Amino acid sequence: MNSNSTVYWSNLNEDNEIEFKTFPIRLTFIYVKEGSIFVNGTELGPNDQARMTDDHVVHIRAAKDSQFILIDLPASESNY
């Protein structure tokens, strides 16, 4: 498969924060496996997901010890 995508697995401890920088030609998808995180101020729990199309910076803060997957992918086929 050639899709120019990157998959990140994260374990984020309670009250820790990360920042993911992206570009307008990219999409960001987050799936929460365990715990609770805030993504740009919106709380997500287990099995929740977020899809971002216009955010150039994604702020993620763990409300509890958490595990999540972040996928960075092209917004269109021409960006492969």
C-alpha atoms as a PDB file:
ATOM      1  CA  MET A   1       0.000   0.000   0.000  1.00  0.00           C
ATOM      2  CA  ASN A   2       1.373   3.414  -0.933  1.00  0.00           C
ATOM      3  CA  SER A   3      -0.685   6.164   0.641  1.00  0.00           C
ATOM      4  CA  ASN A   4       1.848   8.621   2.100  1.00  0.00           C
ATOM      5  CA  SER A   5       0.265   8.136   5.533  1.00  0.00           C
ATOM      6  CA  THR A   6       1.860   7.877   8.953  1.00  0.00           C
ATOM      7  CA  VAL A   7       0.351   6.024  11.911  1.00  0.00           C
ATOM      8  CA  TYR A   8       1.391   7.011  15.445  1.00  0.00           C
ATOM      9  CA  TRP A   9       0.626   4.992  18.592  1.00  0.00           C
ATOM     10  CA  SER A  10       0.725   7.059  21.773  1.00  0.00           C
ATOM     11  CA  ASN A  11       0.665   6.339  25.482  1.00  0.00           C
ATOM     12  CA  LEU A  12       0.049   9.665  27.192  1.00  0.00           C
ATOM     13  CA  ASN A  13       0.100   9.960  30.983  1.00  0.00           C
ATOM     14  CA  GLU A  14      -2.488  11.983  32.876  1.00  0.00           C
ATOM     15  CA  ASP A  15      -2.031  15.786  32.581  1.00  0.00           C
ATOM     16  CA  ASN A  16       0.678  15.452  29.913  1.00  0.00           C
ATOM     17  CA  GLU A  17       0.265  17.276  26.609  1.00  0.00           C
ATOM     18  CA  ILE A  18       1.554  16.942  23.077  1.00  0.00           C
ATOM     19  CA  GLU A  19       1.216  19.097  19.993  1.00  0.00           C
ATOM     20  CA  PHE A  20       1.016  17.653  16.484  1.00  0.00           C
ATOM     21  CA  LYS A  21       1.727  20.044  13.620  1.00  0.00           C
ATOM     22  CA  THR A  22       0.266  19.340  10.211  1.00  0.00           C
ATOM     23  CA  PHE A  23      -0.381  21.089   6.885  1.00  0.00           C
ATOM     24  CA  PRO A  24      -3.492  22.198   4.944  1.00  0.00           C
ATOM     25  CA  ILE A  25      -2.990  19.360   2.439  1.00  0.00           C
ATOM     26  CA  ARG A  26      -3.135  16.761   5.261  1.00  0.00           C
ATOM     27  CA  LEU A  27      -5.919  15.213   7.352  1.00  0.00           C
ATOM     28  CA  THR A  28      -5.626  14.015  10.938  1.00  0.00           C
ATOM     29  CA  PHE A  29      -7.600  11.127  12.424  1.00  0.00           C
ATOM     30  CA  ILE A  30      -7.475  10.182  16.126  1.00  0.00           C
ATOM     31  CA  TYR A  31      -8.924   7.034  17.702  1.00  0.00           C
ATOM     32  CA  VAL A  32      -8.905   6.649  21.502  1.00  0.00           C
ATOM     33  CA  LYS A  33      -8.251   3.110  22.722  1.00  0.00           C
ATOM     34  CA  GLU A  34      -8.103   3.732  26.505  1.00  0.00           C
ATOM     35  CA  GLY A  35      -8.420   6.640  28.888  1.00  0.00           C
ATOM     36  CA  SER A  36      -9.587  10.169  28.176  1.00  0.00           C
ATOM     37  CA  ILE A  37      -7.971  12.935  26.133  1.00  0.00           C
ATOM     38  CA  PHE A  38      -8.837  16.460  25.088  1.00  0.00           C
ATOM     39  CA  VAL A  39      -8.239  17.186  21.399  1.00  0.00           C
ATOM     40  CA  ASN A  40      -8.274  20.937  20.723  1.00  0.00           C
ATOM     41  CA  GLY A  41     -10.538  21.325  23.767  1.00  0.00           C
ATOM     42  CA  THR A  42     -12.980  18.492  22.957  1.00  0.00           C
ATOM     43  CA  GLU A  43     -13.000  15.512  25.312  1.00  0.00           C
ATOM     44  CA  LEU A  44     -12.751  12.021  23.829  1.00  0.00           C
ATOM     45  CA  GLY A  45     -13.094   8.728  25.696  1.00  0.00           C
ATOM     46  CA  PRO A  46     -12.554   5.060  24.839  1.00  0.00           C
ATOM     47  CA  ASN A  47     -13.634   4.181  21.287  1.00  0.00           C
ATOM     48  CA  ASP A  48     -14.230   7.859  20.411  1.00  0.00           C
ATOM     49  CA  GLN A  49     -12.659   9.354  17.326  1.00  0.00           C
ATOM     50  CA  ALA A  50     -11.901  12.769  15.880  1.00  0.00           C
ATOM     51  CA  ARG A  51     -11.322  13.781  12.277  1.00  0.00           C
ATOM     52  CA  MET A  52      -9.660  17.108  11.562  1.00  0.00           C
ATOM     53  CA  THR A  53      -9.497  18.769   8.176  1.00  0.00           C
ATOM     54  CA  ASP A  54      -8.679  22.417   8.852  1.00  0.00           C
ATOM     55  CA  ASP A  55      -6.523  22.287  11.984  1.00  0.00           C
ATOM     56  CA  HIS A  56      -2.851  23.027  11.400  1.00  0.00           C
ATOM     57  CA  VAL A  57      -1.918  22.275  15.006  1.00  0.00           C
ATOM     58  CA  VAL A  58      -3.574  19.543  17.072  1.00  0.00           C
ATOM     59  CA  HIS A  59      -3.292  19.970  20.854  1.00  0.00           C
ATOM     60  CA  ILE A  60      -3.773  16.756  22.819  1.00  0.00           C
ATOM     61  CA  ARG A  61      -3.942  16.595  26.634  1.00  0.00           C
ATOM     62  CA  ALA A  62      -4.559  13.459  28.679  1.00  0.00           C
ATOM     63  CA  ALA A  63      -7.300  13.757  31.329  1.00  0.00           C
ATOM     64  CA  LYS A  64      -6.379  10.186  32.403  1.00  0.00           C
ATOM     65  CA  ASP A  65      -3.597   7.812  31.413  1.00  0.00           C
ATOM     66  CA  SER A  66      -4.503   7.180  27.776  1.00  0.00           C
ATOM     67  CA  GLN A  67      -3.690   5.226  24.653  1.00  0.00           C
ATOM     68  CA  PHE A  68      -4.628   6.515  21.217  1.00  0.00           C
ATOM     69  CA  ILE A  69      -3.768   6.227  17.561  1.00  0.00           C
ATOM     70  CA  LEU A  70      -3.125   9.308  15.420  1.00  0.00           C
ATOM     71  CA  ILE A  71      -3.132   8.919  11.650  1.00  0.00           C
ATOM     72  CA  ASP A  72      -1.724  11.636   9.398  1.00  0.00           C
ATOM     73  CA  LEU A  73      -2.906  11.196   5.804  1.00  0.00           C
ATOM     74  CA  PRO A  74      -3.186  13.133   2.545  1.00  0.00           C
ATOM     75  CA  ALA A  75      -6.330  15.180   1.967  1.00  0.00           C
ATOM     76  CA  SER A  76      -6.571  14.042  -1.664  1.00  0.00           C
ATOM     77  CA  GLU A  77      -5.022  11.494  -4.002  1.00  0.00           C
ATOM     78  CA  SER A  78      -2.952  14.182  -5.680  1.00  0.00           C
ATOM     79  CA  ASN A  79      -1.014  14.596  -2.409  1.00  0.00           C
ATOM     80  CA  TYR A  80       0.321  11.052  -2.427  1.00  0.00           C
END
